N, C-alpha and C. Protein backbone atom coordinates (compact mmCIF):
# COMPACT_ATOMS: atom_id res chain seq x y z
N UNK A 1 -1.80 -42.05 -38.77
CA UNK A 1 -1.57 -41.85 -37.35
C UNK A 1 -2.70 -41.05 -36.73
N UNK A 2 -3.25 -40.05 -37.47
CA UNK A 2 -4.32 -39.24 -36.90
C UNK A 2 -5.60 -40.06 -36.72
N UNK A 3 -5.84 -41.04 -37.59
CA UNK A 3 -7.01 -41.89 -37.42
C UNK A 3 -6.87 -42.74 -36.17
N UNK A 4 -5.65 -43.22 -35.89
CA UNK A 4 -5.40 -44.00 -34.68
C UNK A 4 -5.64 -43.16 -33.44
N UNK A 5 -5.14 -41.93 -33.43
CA UNK A 5 -5.35 -41.04 -32.29
C UNK A 5 -6.83 -40.74 -32.12
N UNK A 6 -7.52 -40.46 -33.21
CA UNK A 6 -8.95 -40.21 -33.16
C UNK A 6 -9.70 -41.42 -32.61
N UNK A 7 -9.31 -42.61 -33.03
CA UNK A 7 -9.94 -43.83 -32.53
C UNK A 7 -9.75 -43.96 -31.04
N UNK A 8 -8.53 -43.69 -30.55
CA UNK A 8 -8.27 -43.78 -29.11
C UNK A 8 -9.12 -42.79 -28.33
N UNK A 9 -9.20 -41.58 -28.82
CA UNK A 9 -9.98 -40.54 -28.13
C UNK A 9 -11.46 -40.88 -28.16
N UNK A 10 -11.95 -41.30 -29.30
CA UNK A 10 -13.37 -41.63 -29.40
C UNK A 10 -13.72 -42.85 -28.57
N UNK A 11 -12.81 -43.82 -28.48
CA UNK A 11 -13.04 -44.99 -27.64
C UNK A 11 -13.23 -44.56 -26.20
N UNK A 12 -12.40 -43.64 -25.76
CA UNK A 12 -12.53 -43.12 -24.40
C UNK A 12 -13.90 -42.49 -24.20
N UNK A 13 -14.37 -41.70 -25.17
CA UNK A 13 -15.65 -41.04 -25.03
C UNK A 13 -16.82 -42.02 -25.06
N UNK A 14 -16.72 -43.09 -25.83
CA UNK A 14 -17.80 -44.08 -25.86
C UNK A 14 -17.96 -44.69 -24.48
N UNK A 15 -16.84 -44.97 -23.82
CA UNK A 15 -16.89 -45.57 -22.50
C UNK A 15 -17.39 -44.58 -21.47
N UNK A 16 -16.94 -43.34 -21.57
CA UNK A 16 -17.26 -42.34 -20.53
C UNK A 16 -18.55 -41.60 -20.77
N UNK A 17 -18.99 -41.47 -22.01
CA UNK A 17 -20.16 -40.64 -22.30
C UNK A 17 -21.41 -41.49 -22.40
N UNK A 18 -21.90 -41.94 -21.28
CA UNK A 18 -23.13 -42.72 -21.24
C UNK A 18 -24.30 -41.77 -21.05
N UNK A 19 -25.51 -42.18 -21.35
CA UNK A 19 -26.65 -41.28 -21.21
C UNK A 19 -26.79 -40.71 -19.81
N UNK A 20 -26.46 -41.45 -18.77
CA UNK A 20 -26.62 -40.94 -17.42
C UNK A 20 -25.62 -39.84 -17.08
N UNK A 21 -24.55 -39.70 -17.87
CA UNK A 21 -23.56 -38.67 -17.57
C UNK A 21 -23.75 -37.43 -18.42
N UNK A 22 -24.70 -37.41 -19.31
CA UNK A 22 -24.95 -36.26 -20.16
C UNK A 22 -26.01 -35.37 -19.54
N UNK A 23 -25.90 -34.09 -19.80
CA UNK A 23 -26.91 -33.15 -19.32
C UNK A 23 -27.72 -32.71 -20.53
N UNK A 24 -29.00 -32.93 -20.46
CA UNK A 24 -29.91 -32.54 -21.53
C UNK A 24 -30.40 -31.13 -21.22
N UNK A 25 -30.10 -30.17 -22.10
CA UNK A 25 -30.47 -28.77 -21.87
C UNK A 25 -31.98 -28.63 -21.69
N UNK A 26 -32.78 -29.45 -22.38
CA UNK A 26 -34.23 -29.35 -22.22
C UNK A 26 -34.66 -29.72 -20.82
N UNK A 27 -33.91 -30.61 -20.17
CA UNK A 27 -34.27 -31.02 -18.82
C UNK A 27 -34.01 -29.91 -17.82
N UNK A 28 -33.21 -28.91 -18.18
CA UNK A 28 -32.89 -27.81 -17.29
C UNK A 28 -34.00 -26.76 -17.25
N UNK A 29 -34.82 -26.69 -18.29
CA UNK A 29 -35.89 -25.70 -18.36
C UNK A 29 -37.02 -26.09 -17.41
N UNK A 30 -37.64 -25.09 -16.74
CA UNK A 30 -38.76 -25.41 -15.84
C UNK A 30 -39.96 -25.92 -16.65
N UNK A 31 -40.61 -26.93 -16.13
CA UNK A 31 -41.81 -27.47 -16.77
C UNK A 31 -42.55 -28.33 -15.77
N UNK A 32 -43.70 -28.79 -16.16
CA UNK A 32 -44.51 -29.60 -15.27
C UNK A 32 -43.79 -30.92 -15.00
N UNK A 33 -44.00 -31.43 -13.81
CA UNK A 33 -43.37 -32.69 -13.43
C UNK A 33 -43.82 -33.81 -14.35
N UNK A 34 -42.88 -34.54 -14.84
CA UNK A 34 -43.17 -35.67 -15.72
C UNK A 34 -42.24 -36.81 -15.32
N UNK A 35 -42.63 -38.02 -15.61
CA UNK A 35 -41.75 -39.13 -15.25
C UNK A 35 -40.42 -39.02 -16.01
N UNK A 36 -39.33 -39.30 -15.31
CA UNK A 36 -38.01 -39.26 -15.93
C UNK A 36 -37.80 -40.52 -16.77
N UNK A 37 -37.41 -40.34 -18.00
CA UNK A 37 -37.13 -41.45 -18.90
C UNK A 37 -35.71 -41.29 -19.38
N UNK A 38 -34.93 -42.33 -19.21
CA UNK A 38 -33.53 -42.27 -19.66
C UNK A 38 -33.48 -42.72 -21.12
N UNK A 39 -32.79 -41.93 -21.92
CA UNK A 39 -32.66 -42.24 -23.35
C UNK A 39 -31.81 -43.49 -23.54
N UNK A 40 -32.04 -44.15 -24.64
CA UNK A 40 -31.23 -45.33 -24.98
C UNK A 40 -29.82 -44.89 -25.33
N UNK A 41 -28.87 -45.75 -25.08
CA UNK A 41 -27.47 -45.45 -25.39
C UNK A 41 -27.31 -45.25 -26.90
N UNK A 42 -26.55 -44.23 -27.29
CA UNK A 42 -26.36 -44.00 -28.72
C UNK A 42 -25.52 -45.11 -29.34
N UNK A 43 -25.73 -45.32 -30.62
CA UNK A 43 -24.92 -46.31 -31.32
C UNK A 43 -23.53 -45.73 -31.55
N UNK A 44 -22.56 -46.60 -31.54
CA UNK A 44 -21.18 -46.17 -31.74
C UNK A 44 -20.99 -45.68 -33.17
N UNK A 45 -20.30 -44.57 -33.31
CA UNK A 45 -19.98 -44.06 -34.63
C UNK A 45 -18.47 -44.14 -34.86
N UNK A 46 -17.81 -44.93 -34.05
CA UNK A 46 -16.37 -45.12 -34.20
C UNK A 46 -16.09 -45.96 -35.44
N UNK A 47 -14.86 -45.90 -35.94
CA UNK A 47 -14.51 -46.77 -37.07
C UNK A 47 -14.64 -48.23 -36.62
N UNK A 48 -15.71 -48.84 -36.98
CA UNK A 48 -16.03 -50.17 -36.48
C UNK A 48 -15.96 -51.22 -37.58
N UNK A 49 -15.04 -51.02 -38.52
CA UNK A 49 -14.88 -51.98 -39.59
C UNK A 49 -14.35 -53.29 -39.02
N UNK A 50 -14.67 -54.38 -39.68
CA UNK A 50 -14.26 -55.68 -39.17
C UNK A 50 -12.75 -55.84 -39.10
N UNK A 51 -12.01 -55.14 -39.94
CA UNK A 51 -10.55 -55.29 -39.94
C UNK A 51 -9.83 -54.17 -39.18
N UNK A 52 -10.56 -53.27 -38.54
CA UNK A 52 -9.90 -52.18 -37.82
C UNK A 52 -9.38 -52.66 -36.47
N UNK A 53 -8.38 -51.96 -35.97
CA UNK A 53 -7.81 -52.26 -34.66
C UNK A 53 -8.64 -51.52 -33.62
N UNK A 54 -9.30 -52.28 -32.75
CA UNK A 54 -10.19 -51.69 -31.75
C UNK A 54 -9.60 -51.93 -30.37
N UNK A 55 -9.55 -50.84 -29.57
CA UNK A 55 -8.99 -50.99 -28.23
C UNK A 55 -9.63 -49.98 -27.29
N UNK A 56 -9.51 -50.28 -26.02
CA UNK A 56 -10.00 -49.44 -24.94
C UNK A 56 -8.82 -48.69 -24.35
N UNK A 57 -9.04 -47.46 -23.92
CA UNK A 57 -8.02 -46.68 -23.24
C UNK A 57 -8.58 -46.30 -21.88
N UNK A 58 -7.87 -46.68 -20.80
CA UNK A 58 -8.30 -46.32 -19.45
C UNK A 58 -7.11 -45.81 -18.65
N UNK A 59 -7.40 -45.02 -17.65
CA UNK A 59 -6.39 -44.53 -16.73
C UNK A 59 -7.02 -44.32 -15.38
N UNK A 60 -6.21 -44.21 -14.35
CA UNK A 60 -6.72 -44.02 -12.99
C UNK A 60 -7.78 -45.08 -12.68
N UNK A 61 -7.37 -46.32 -12.77
CA UNK A 61 -8.31 -47.45 -12.75
C UNK A 61 -9.17 -47.55 -11.51
N UNK A 62 -8.64 -47.28 -10.33
CA UNK A 62 -9.49 -47.29 -9.16
C UNK A 62 -8.94 -48.05 -7.97
N UNK A 63 -9.82 -48.20 -6.98
CA UNK A 63 -9.44 -48.81 -5.70
C UNK A 63 -10.17 -50.12 -5.45
N UNK A 64 -10.93 -50.57 -6.42
CA UNK A 64 -11.71 -51.79 -6.22
C UNK A 64 -13.05 -51.50 -5.56
N UNK A 65 -13.46 -50.23 -5.51
CA UNK A 65 -14.72 -49.88 -4.88
C UNK A 65 -15.89 -50.02 -5.87
N UNK A 66 -17.07 -49.69 -5.40
CA UNK A 66 -18.29 -49.83 -6.21
C UNK A 66 -18.20 -49.03 -7.50
N UNK A 67 -17.58 -47.85 -7.44
CA UNK A 67 -17.49 -46.99 -8.63
C UNK A 67 -16.64 -47.64 -9.71
N UNK A 68 -15.59 -48.34 -9.32
CA UNK A 68 -14.77 -49.03 -10.31
C UNK A 68 -15.58 -50.15 -10.98
N UNK A 69 -16.38 -50.85 -10.20
CA UNK A 69 -17.23 -51.89 -10.78
C UNK A 69 -18.28 -51.29 -11.70
N UNK A 70 -18.81 -50.10 -11.35
CA UNK A 70 -19.77 -49.41 -12.22
C UNK A 70 -19.12 -49.06 -13.56
N UNK A 71 -17.91 -48.53 -13.50
CA UNK A 71 -17.18 -48.19 -14.72
C UNK A 71 -16.92 -49.45 -15.54
N UNK A 72 -16.50 -50.52 -14.87
CA UNK A 72 -16.25 -51.78 -15.57
C UNK A 72 -17.52 -52.27 -16.28
N UNK A 73 -18.68 -52.09 -15.63
CA UNK A 73 -19.94 -52.47 -16.26
C UNK A 73 -20.21 -51.66 -17.51
N UNK A 74 -19.93 -50.36 -17.46
CA UNK A 74 -20.11 -49.50 -18.64
C UNK A 74 -19.14 -49.90 -19.76
N UNK A 75 -17.94 -50.28 -19.38
CA UNK A 75 -16.97 -50.74 -20.38
C UNK A 75 -17.48 -51.99 -21.08
N UNK A 76 -18.03 -52.90 -20.31
CA UNK A 76 -18.58 -54.14 -20.88
C UNK A 76 -19.74 -53.82 -21.82
N UNK A 77 -20.60 -52.88 -21.43
CA UNK A 77 -21.70 -52.45 -22.31
C UNK A 77 -21.16 -51.86 -23.61
N UNK A 78 -20.15 -51.02 -23.50
CA UNK A 78 -19.56 -50.40 -24.69
C UNK A 78 -18.94 -51.46 -25.60
N UNK A 79 -18.35 -52.48 -25.00
CA UNK A 79 -17.70 -53.53 -25.79
C UNK A 79 -18.72 -54.32 -26.63
N UNK A 80 -19.95 -54.36 -26.18
CA UNK A 80 -20.99 -55.03 -26.97
C UNK A 80 -21.24 -54.27 -28.28
N UNK A 81 -21.05 -52.93 -28.26
CA UNK A 81 -21.25 -52.11 -29.46
C UNK A 81 -19.95 -51.92 -30.24
N UNK A 82 -18.84 -51.94 -29.53
CA UNK A 82 -17.53 -51.68 -30.12
C UNK A 82 -16.57 -52.74 -29.59
N UNK A 83 -16.49 -53.87 -30.27
CA UNK A 83 -15.79 -55.04 -29.73
C UNK A 83 -14.26 -54.92 -29.74
N UNK A 84 -13.74 -54.13 -28.79
CA UNK A 84 -12.29 -53.97 -28.68
C UNK A 84 -11.66 -55.27 -28.22
N UNK A 85 -10.41 -55.47 -28.62
CA UNK A 85 -9.70 -56.72 -28.33
C UNK A 85 -8.71 -56.58 -27.19
N UNK A 86 -8.29 -55.35 -26.89
CA UNK A 86 -7.31 -55.14 -25.82
C UNK A 86 -7.51 -53.76 -25.23
N UNK A 87 -6.83 -53.52 -24.11
CA UNK A 87 -6.95 -52.25 -23.40
C UNK A 87 -5.56 -51.69 -23.13
N UNK A 88 -5.44 -50.37 -23.25
CA UNK A 88 -4.22 -49.67 -22.92
C UNK A 88 -4.48 -48.92 -21.61
N UNK A 89 -3.62 -49.15 -20.64
CA UNK A 89 -3.74 -48.48 -19.34
C UNK A 89 -2.74 -47.34 -19.29
N UNK A 90 -3.22 -46.13 -18.98
CA UNK A 90 -2.41 -44.93 -19.06
C UNK A 90 -1.67 -44.57 -17.78
N UNK A 91 -1.76 -45.39 -16.77
CA UNK A 91 -1.08 -45.12 -15.50
C UNK A 91 -2.08 -44.99 -14.38
N UNK A 92 -1.55 -44.80 -13.15
CA UNK A 92 -2.37 -44.87 -11.93
C UNK A 92 -3.18 -46.17 -12.00
N UNK A 93 -2.46 -47.25 -12.24
CA UNK A 93 -3.07 -48.55 -12.48
C UNK A 93 -3.74 -49.13 -11.23
N UNK A 94 -3.19 -48.86 -10.07
CA UNK A 94 -3.77 -49.24 -8.78
C UNK A 94 -3.60 -48.07 -7.83
N UNK A 95 -4.62 -47.78 -7.05
CA UNK A 95 -4.51 -46.75 -6.02
C UNK A 95 -4.25 -47.43 -4.67
N UNK A 96 -3.47 -46.77 -3.85
CA UNK A 96 -3.21 -47.30 -2.51
C UNK A 96 -2.16 -48.39 -2.53
N UNK A 97 -2.30 -49.32 -1.61
CA UNK A 97 -1.29 -50.38 -1.48
C UNK A 97 -1.27 -51.28 -2.71
N UNK A 98 -0.15 -51.95 -2.90
CA UNK A 98 0.04 -52.82 -4.07
C UNK A 98 0.53 -54.20 -3.65
N UNK A 99 -0.12 -54.75 -2.64
CA UNK A 99 0.18 -56.13 -2.23
C UNK A 99 -0.44 -57.07 -3.25
N UNK A 100 -0.03 -58.32 -3.28
CA UNK A 100 -0.64 -59.26 -4.24
C UNK A 100 -2.16 -59.29 -4.19
N UNK A 101 -2.74 -59.23 -3.01
CA UNK A 101 -4.21 -59.25 -2.90
C UNK A 101 -4.82 -57.99 -3.51
N UNK A 102 -4.07 -56.88 -3.51
CA UNK A 102 -4.59 -55.65 -4.10
C UNK A 102 -4.71 -55.77 -5.61
N UNK A 103 -3.80 -56.47 -6.26
CA UNK A 103 -3.91 -56.67 -7.71
C UNK A 103 -5.17 -57.47 -8.04
N UNK A 104 -5.52 -58.38 -7.16
CA UNK A 104 -6.75 -59.16 -7.36
C UNK A 104 -7.97 -58.27 -7.13
N UNK A 105 -8.00 -57.57 -5.99
CA UNK A 105 -9.18 -56.78 -5.63
C UNK A 105 -9.36 -55.52 -6.46
N UNK A 106 -8.28 -54.93 -6.93
CA UNK A 106 -8.36 -53.66 -7.64
C UNK A 106 -8.22 -53.78 -9.15
N UNK A 107 -7.91 -55.00 -9.63
CA UNK A 107 -7.79 -55.18 -11.08
C UNK A 107 -8.52 -56.44 -11.54
N UNK A 108 -8.12 -57.57 -11.03
CA UNK A 108 -8.67 -58.83 -11.55
C UNK A 108 -10.16 -58.99 -11.30
N UNK A 109 -10.63 -58.63 -10.14
CA UNK A 109 -12.07 -58.78 -9.86
C UNK A 109 -12.92 -57.78 -10.63
N UNK A 110 -12.59 -56.47 -10.60
CA UNK A 110 -13.44 -55.54 -11.36
C UNK A 110 -13.48 -55.83 -12.86
N UNK A 111 -12.36 -56.29 -13.42
CA UNK A 111 -12.28 -56.52 -14.87
C UNK A 111 -12.33 -58.01 -15.21
N UNK A 112 -12.86 -58.82 -14.30
CA UNK A 112 -12.88 -60.27 -14.48
C UNK A 112 -13.54 -60.68 -15.79
N UNK A 113 -14.69 -60.13 -16.08
CA UNK A 113 -15.39 -60.54 -17.30
C UNK A 113 -14.57 -60.23 -18.55
N UNK A 114 -13.91 -59.07 -18.57
CA UNK A 114 -13.07 -58.73 -19.72
C UNK A 114 -11.88 -59.67 -19.81
N UNK A 115 -11.24 -59.92 -18.67
CA UNK A 115 -10.10 -60.84 -18.65
C UNK A 115 -10.53 -62.24 -19.09
N UNK A 116 -11.68 -62.70 -18.58
CA UNK A 116 -12.19 -64.02 -18.96
C UNK A 116 -12.52 -64.10 -20.44
N UNK A 117 -12.91 -62.96 -21.03
CA UNK A 117 -13.22 -62.91 -22.47
C UNK A 117 -11.97 -62.76 -23.33
N UNK A 118 -10.80 -62.75 -22.69
CA UNK A 118 -9.55 -62.69 -23.44
C UNK A 118 -9.03 -61.30 -23.75
N UNK A 119 -9.62 -60.26 -23.15
CA UNK A 119 -9.12 -58.90 -23.36
C UNK A 119 -7.78 -58.78 -22.62
N UNK A 120 -6.74 -58.41 -23.36
CA UNK A 120 -5.43 -58.21 -22.76
C UNK A 120 -5.27 -56.74 -22.39
N UNK A 121 -4.72 -56.50 -21.23
CA UNK A 121 -4.45 -55.15 -20.75
C UNK A 121 -2.95 -54.88 -20.87
N UNK A 122 -2.60 -53.75 -21.46
CA UNK A 122 -1.21 -53.32 -21.60
C UNK A 122 -1.04 -52.06 -20.77
N UNK A 123 -0.33 -52.17 -19.66
CA UNK A 123 -0.18 -51.05 -18.73
C UNK A 123 1.04 -50.21 -19.06
N UNK A 124 0.97 -48.97 -18.64
CA UNK A 124 2.14 -48.09 -18.65
C UNK A 124 2.26 -47.50 -17.25
N UNK A 125 3.47 -47.14 -16.89
CA UNK A 125 3.73 -46.61 -15.56
C UNK A 125 3.59 -45.10 -15.55
N UNK A 126 2.98 -44.60 -14.49
CA UNK A 126 2.87 -43.16 -14.28
C UNK A 126 3.38 -42.79 -12.90
N UNK A 127 3.18 -41.55 -12.52
CA UNK A 127 3.75 -41.07 -11.27
C UNK A 127 3.15 -41.70 -10.02
N UNK A 128 2.01 -42.36 -10.11
CA UNK A 128 1.41 -43.02 -8.95
C UNK A 128 1.73 -44.52 -8.90
N UNK A 129 2.48 -45.01 -9.85
CA UNK A 129 2.70 -46.45 -9.97
C UNK A 129 4.07 -46.88 -9.46
N UNK A 130 4.07 -48.00 -8.77
CA UNK A 130 5.32 -48.61 -8.33
C UNK A 130 5.94 -49.29 -9.54
N UNK A 131 7.21 -49.04 -9.81
CA UNK A 131 7.85 -49.67 -10.97
C UNK A 131 7.77 -51.20 -10.97
N UNK A 132 7.55 -51.80 -9.81
CA UNK A 132 7.46 -53.27 -9.78
C UNK A 132 6.19 -53.79 -10.45
N UNK A 133 5.24 -52.90 -10.77
CA UNK A 133 4.06 -53.34 -11.52
C UNK A 133 4.44 -53.97 -12.84
N UNK A 134 5.60 -53.63 -13.34
CA UNK A 134 6.02 -54.18 -14.65
C UNK A 134 6.18 -55.69 -14.62
N UNK A 135 6.24 -56.28 -13.42
CA UNK A 135 6.38 -57.73 -13.30
C UNK A 135 5.03 -58.44 -13.14
N UNK A 136 3.95 -57.68 -13.00
CA UNK A 136 2.62 -58.28 -12.86
C UNK A 136 2.17 -58.79 -14.22
N UNK A 137 2.01 -60.08 -14.33
CA UNK A 137 1.77 -60.74 -15.63
C UNK A 137 0.58 -60.17 -16.40
N UNK A 138 -0.51 -59.86 -15.72
CA UNK A 138 -1.72 -59.41 -16.42
C UNK A 138 -1.61 -57.98 -16.96
N UNK A 139 -0.52 -57.27 -16.62
CA UNK A 139 -0.29 -55.95 -17.20
C UNK A 139 0.53 -56.06 -18.49
N UNK A 140 1.02 -57.24 -18.82
CA UNK A 140 1.68 -57.52 -20.10
C UNK A 140 2.84 -56.58 -20.43
N UNK A 141 3.63 -56.27 -19.41
CA UNK A 141 4.77 -55.37 -19.61
C UNK A 141 6.08 -56.15 -19.77
N UNK A 142 6.05 -57.45 -19.56
CA UNK A 142 7.23 -58.31 -19.71
C UNK A 142 8.43 -57.80 -18.91
N UNK A 143 8.16 -57.23 -17.74
CA UNK A 143 9.24 -56.76 -16.88
C UNK A 143 9.90 -55.47 -17.31
N UNK A 144 9.33 -54.78 -18.31
CA UNK A 144 9.96 -53.57 -18.87
C UNK A 144 9.20 -52.31 -18.42
N UNK A 145 9.94 -51.26 -18.13
CA UNK A 145 9.32 -49.98 -17.74
C UNK A 145 8.70 -49.28 -18.95
N UNK A 146 9.22 -49.55 -20.13
CA UNK A 146 8.67 -49.03 -21.38
C UNK A 146 8.86 -50.12 -22.43
N UNK A 147 7.93 -50.18 -23.36
CA UNK A 147 7.93 -51.28 -24.33
C UNK A 147 7.03 -50.92 -25.50
N UNK A 148 7.05 -51.76 -26.50
CA UNK A 148 6.15 -51.59 -27.63
C UNK A 148 5.52 -52.93 -27.98
N UNK A 149 4.41 -52.87 -28.68
CA UNK A 149 3.75 -54.08 -29.16
C UNK A 149 2.97 -53.72 -30.41
N UNK A 150 2.66 -54.72 -31.18
CA UNK A 150 1.99 -54.52 -32.46
C UNK A 150 0.68 -55.30 -32.49
N UNK A 151 -0.32 -54.66 -33.06
CA UNK A 151 -1.61 -55.28 -33.34
C UNK A 151 -1.92 -54.98 -34.80
N UNK A 152 -1.98 -56.03 -35.59
CA UNK A 152 -2.16 -55.90 -37.04
C UNK A 152 -1.08 -54.96 -37.58
N UNK A 153 -1.48 -53.86 -38.23
CA UNK A 153 -0.48 -52.97 -38.81
C UNK A 153 -0.24 -51.71 -37.96
N UNK A 154 -0.60 -51.78 -36.68
CA UNK A 154 -0.44 -50.64 -35.77
C UNK A 154 0.56 -51.01 -34.68
N UNK A 155 1.52 -50.12 -34.44
CA UNK A 155 2.49 -50.33 -33.37
C UNK A 155 2.19 -49.35 -32.24
N UNK A 156 2.18 -49.87 -31.01
CA UNK A 156 1.89 -49.09 -29.83
C UNK A 156 3.15 -48.98 -28.98
N UNK A 157 3.31 -47.84 -28.33
CA UNK A 157 4.46 -47.59 -27.47
C UNK A 157 3.94 -47.21 -26.08
N UNK A 158 4.35 -47.95 -25.08
CA UNK A 158 3.99 -47.66 -23.70
C UNK A 158 5.22 -47.11 -23.00
N UNK A 159 5.08 -45.92 -22.44
CA UNK A 159 6.22 -45.24 -21.83
C UNK A 159 6.02 -45.09 -20.33
N UNK A 160 7.11 -44.98 -19.62
CA UNK A 160 7.09 -44.66 -18.20
C UNK A 160 7.11 -43.14 -18.11
N UNK A 161 5.97 -42.54 -17.81
CA UNK A 161 5.86 -41.08 -17.83
C UNK A 161 6.36 -40.43 -16.54
N UNK A 162 6.82 -41.23 -15.59
CA UNK A 162 7.34 -40.66 -14.35
C UNK A 162 8.56 -39.80 -14.61
N UNK A 163 9.46 -40.32 -15.42
CA UNK A 163 10.68 -39.58 -15.73
C UNK A 163 11.19 -40.05 -17.08
N UNK A 164 11.18 -39.16 -18.03
CA UNK A 164 11.64 -39.51 -19.38
C UNK A 164 13.17 -39.43 -19.43
N UNK A 165 13.81 -40.44 -18.85
CA UNK A 165 15.26 -40.50 -18.79
C UNK A 165 15.84 -40.69 -20.19
N UNK A 166 17.07 -40.25 -20.40
CA UNK A 166 17.70 -40.39 -21.73
C UNK A 166 17.65 -41.81 -22.31
N UNK A 167 17.85 -42.88 -21.52
CA UNK A 167 17.75 -44.21 -22.15
C UNK A 167 16.38 -44.49 -22.77
N UNK A 168 15.31 -44.05 -22.09
CA UNK A 168 13.97 -44.25 -22.63
C UNK A 168 13.75 -43.40 -23.87
N UNK A 169 14.18 -42.16 -23.85
CA UNK A 169 14.03 -41.27 -25.00
C UNK A 169 14.80 -41.83 -26.19
N UNK A 170 16.01 -42.31 -25.97
CA UNK A 170 16.82 -42.90 -27.05
C UNK A 170 16.16 -44.17 -27.59
N UNK A 171 15.64 -45.00 -26.69
CA UNK A 171 14.95 -46.21 -27.11
C UNK A 171 13.75 -45.85 -28.00
N UNK A 172 12.94 -44.87 -27.55
CA UNK A 172 11.76 -44.48 -28.31
C UNK A 172 12.16 -43.95 -29.68
N UNK A 173 13.17 -43.10 -29.74
CA UNK A 173 13.62 -42.55 -31.02
C UNK A 173 14.03 -43.69 -31.96
N UNK A 174 14.81 -44.66 -31.44
CA UNK A 174 15.27 -45.77 -32.28
C UNK A 174 14.10 -46.65 -32.74
N UNK A 175 13.18 -46.92 -31.83
CA UNK A 175 12.03 -47.76 -32.18
C UNK A 175 11.11 -47.07 -33.18
N UNK A 176 10.94 -45.77 -33.05
CA UNK A 176 10.11 -45.04 -34.03
C UNK A 176 10.75 -45.06 -35.41
N UNK A 177 12.06 -45.01 -35.46
CA UNK A 177 12.74 -45.10 -36.76
C UNK A 177 12.51 -46.45 -37.41
N UNK A 178 12.45 -47.50 -36.59
CA UNK A 178 12.24 -48.86 -37.12
C UNK A 178 10.76 -49.15 -37.41
N UNK A 179 9.88 -48.39 -36.84
CA UNK A 179 8.45 -48.67 -36.92
C UNK A 179 7.92 -48.42 -38.34
């Protein structure tokens, strides 16, 4: 279980820790002006065995603005080094309105290349999410506020973190016993 948690955390850092977001301490020291050269992206040191379960973890997906497309581009770059097969969404799946066109503009368009490549997204509900998101087919929730799914020998549990009501807690306890 700890290797799975480590993989999830490291996957997040591979996506978020690009060379442009790092601060190089040497660059902070005063020196003569020199042309700025951006370092090459580091190679992934994640467990990248051919039989390992590889996935992306994202949250607070965005509003469909330029920044969300920039992040999606970085995710695609990371996938070239770490070929994840699916993505887990941690909540705040869409910001603002949630009309049908918003699901297209704030999810399908920014992540089009991943969706076209067969990456499945598994969403979970958080405090910013309308519970009706569970019916949106591309979030793979099958109409459930909380659910589980299996990839190879790993079982994942997606919970509605808005309110951990007794039925959800009981369901999770029972499912963990069976897992």
